[in-house]
Each structure stands twice: as structure tokens, then as C-alpha cells.
Amino acid sequence: MDKIADVRTDGGRGPPPRAQSAELVGGREIALAGGDRVLVWADVDPAALARVLKALSRP
């Protein structure tokens, strides 16, 4: 199963990017092992998201 982790889009250089508007605050980008990326809000339940990702990865 894919591990959920925060992803930086600047290659890890410099400070973390600042949100451009209040709408972007709390968002999170998740990188999946296959290279796909998922955008979710910070209030998403990690356990529920993990179950959804597990179900979607089944053949």
C-alpha cells in the first residue's frame, strides 16, 4: 500500500512555499508510489483515505 506523506514541489530547496490565498491553506498533496498525486484538504481522515486508496489499488 502507498504511504501518505507531504510532498514539496520545489525539490526541497528553501523554505516551504506560502499559500497564495486562504482557499489554499490546509491543502495537502500526496504522492503515491506509482507516481500519481492526489490533492486533499487537511481535514481528511488519514485512515479513511488509506482505506479508499487500498480499495482503488486492488485489481
C-alpha atoms as a PDB file:
ATOM      1  CA  MET A   1       0.000   0.000   0.000  1.00  0.00           C
ATOM      2  CA  ASP A   2       1.108   3.551  -0.683  1.00  0.00           C
ATOM      3  CA  LYS A   3       2.474   5.638   2.156  1.00  0.00           C
ATOM      4  CA  ILE A   4       0.844   9.022   2.772  1.00  0.00           C
ATOM      5  CA  ALA A   5       3.372  11.829   3.092  1.00  0.00           C
ATOM      6  CA  ASP A   6       3.646  15.548   2.498  1.00  0.00           C
ATOM      7  CA  VAL A   7       5.287  16.472  -0.804  1.00  0.00           C
ATOM      8  CA  ARG A   8       7.311  19.580  -1.606  1.00  0.00           C
ATOM      9  CA  THR A   9       7.125  20.837  -5.159  1.00  0.00           C
ATOM     10  CA  ASP A  10      10.321  22.919  -5.019  1.00  0.00           C
ATOM     11  CA  GLY A  11      12.720  19.976  -4.799  1.00  0.00           C
ATOM     12  CA  GLY A  12      13.249  20.612  -1.078  1.00  0.00           C
ATOM     13  CA  ARG A  13      15.171  23.841  -1.637  1.00  0.00           C
ATOM     14  CA  GLY A  14      14.401  26.846   0.522  1.00  0.00           C
ATOM     15  CA  PRO A  15      11.543  27.399   2.925  1.00  0.00           C
ATOM     16  CA  PRO A  16       8.169  25.732   2.344  1.00  0.00           C
ATOM     17  CA  PRO A  17       6.019  27.659  -0.148  1.00  0.00           C
ATOM     18  CA  ARG A  18       3.488  30.064   1.351  1.00  0.00           C
ATOM     19  CA  ALA A  19      -0.192  29.826   0.447  1.00  0.00           C
ATOM     20  CA  GLN A  20      -1.339  32.433  -2.059  1.00  0.00           C
ATOM     21  CA  SER A  21      -4.868  32.688  -0.647  1.00  0.00           C
ATOM     22  CA  ALA A  22      -6.970  31.493   2.265  1.00  0.00           C
ATOM     23  CA  GLU A  23      -8.546  28.878  -0.031  1.00  0.00           C
ATOM     24  CA  LEU A  24      -5.200  27.097  -0.332  1.00  0.00           C
ATOM     25  CA  VAL A  25      -4.450  26.959   3.392  1.00  0.00           C
ATOM     26  CA  GLY A  26      -4.748  23.446   4.761  1.00  0.00           C
ATOM     27  CA  GLY A  27      -4.416  21.677   1.423  1.00  0.00           C
ATOM     28  CA  ARG A  28      -2.099  18.697   1.086  1.00  0.00           C
ATOM     29  CA  GLU A  29      -0.546  16.948  -1.902  1.00  0.00           C
ATOM     30  CA  ILE A  30       0.029  13.202  -1.551  1.00  0.00           C
ATOM     31  CA  ALA A  31       2.466  11.336  -3.795  1.00  0.00           C
ATOM     32  CA  LEU A  32       1.567   7.708  -4.473  1.00  0.00           C
ATOM     33  CA  ALA A  33       4.187   5.031  -5.126  1.00  0.00           C
ATOM     34  CA  GLY A  34       3.176   4.795  -8.799  1.00  0.00           C
ATOM     35  CA  GLY A  35       3.956   8.478  -9.345  1.00  0.00           C
ATOM     36  CA  ASP A  36       0.350   9.697  -9.220  1.00  0.00           C
ATOM     37  CA  ARG A  37      -0.523  12.629  -6.960  1.00  0.00           C
ATOM     38  CA  VAL A  38      -3.700  13.337  -5.008  1.00  0.00           C
ATOM     39  CA  LEU A  39      -4.762  16.711  -3.578  1.00  0.00           C
ATOM     40  CA  VAL A  40      -6.821  16.655  -0.374  1.00  0.00           C
ATOM     41  CA  TRP A  41      -7.738  19.053   2.419  1.00  0.00           C
ATOM     42  CA  ALA A  42      -6.018  18.727   5.784  1.00  0.00           C
ATOM     43  CA  ASP A  43      -9.282  17.703   7.475  1.00  0.00           C
ATOM     44  CA  VAL A  44      -9.451  14.425   5.517  1.00  0.00           C
ATOM     45  CA  ASP A  45      -9.306  11.429   7.861  1.00  0.00           C
ATOM     46  CA  PRO A  46      -5.991   9.654   7.060  1.00  0.00           C
ATOM     47  CA  ALA A  47      -7.366   6.210   7.983  1.00  0.00           C
ATOM     48  CA  ALA A  48     -10.388   6.641   5.707  1.00  0.00           C
ATOM     49  CA  LEU A  49      -8.197   7.912   2.874  1.00  0.00           C
ATOM     50  CA  ALA A  50      -5.860   4.927   3.305  1.00  0.00           C
ATOM     51  CA  ARG A  51      -8.843   2.546   3.014  1.00  0.00           C
ATOM     52  CA  VAL A  52     -10.014   4.270  -0.176  1.00  0.00           C
ATOM     53  CA  LEU A  53      -6.531   4.121  -1.718  1.00  0.00           C
ATOM     54  CA  LYS A  54      -6.226   0.436  -0.776  1.00  0.00           C
ATOM     55  CA  ALA A  55      -9.590  -0.345  -2.395  1.00  0.00           C
ATOM     56  CA  LEU A  56      -8.648   1.546  -5.560  1.00  0.00           C
ATOM     57  CA  SER A  57      -5.335  -0.309  -5.848  1.00  0.00           C
ATOM     58  CA  ARG A  58      -6.996  -3.744  -5.992  1.00  0.00           C
ATOM     59  CA  PRO A  59      -7.019  -5.407  -9.437  1.00  0.00           C
END
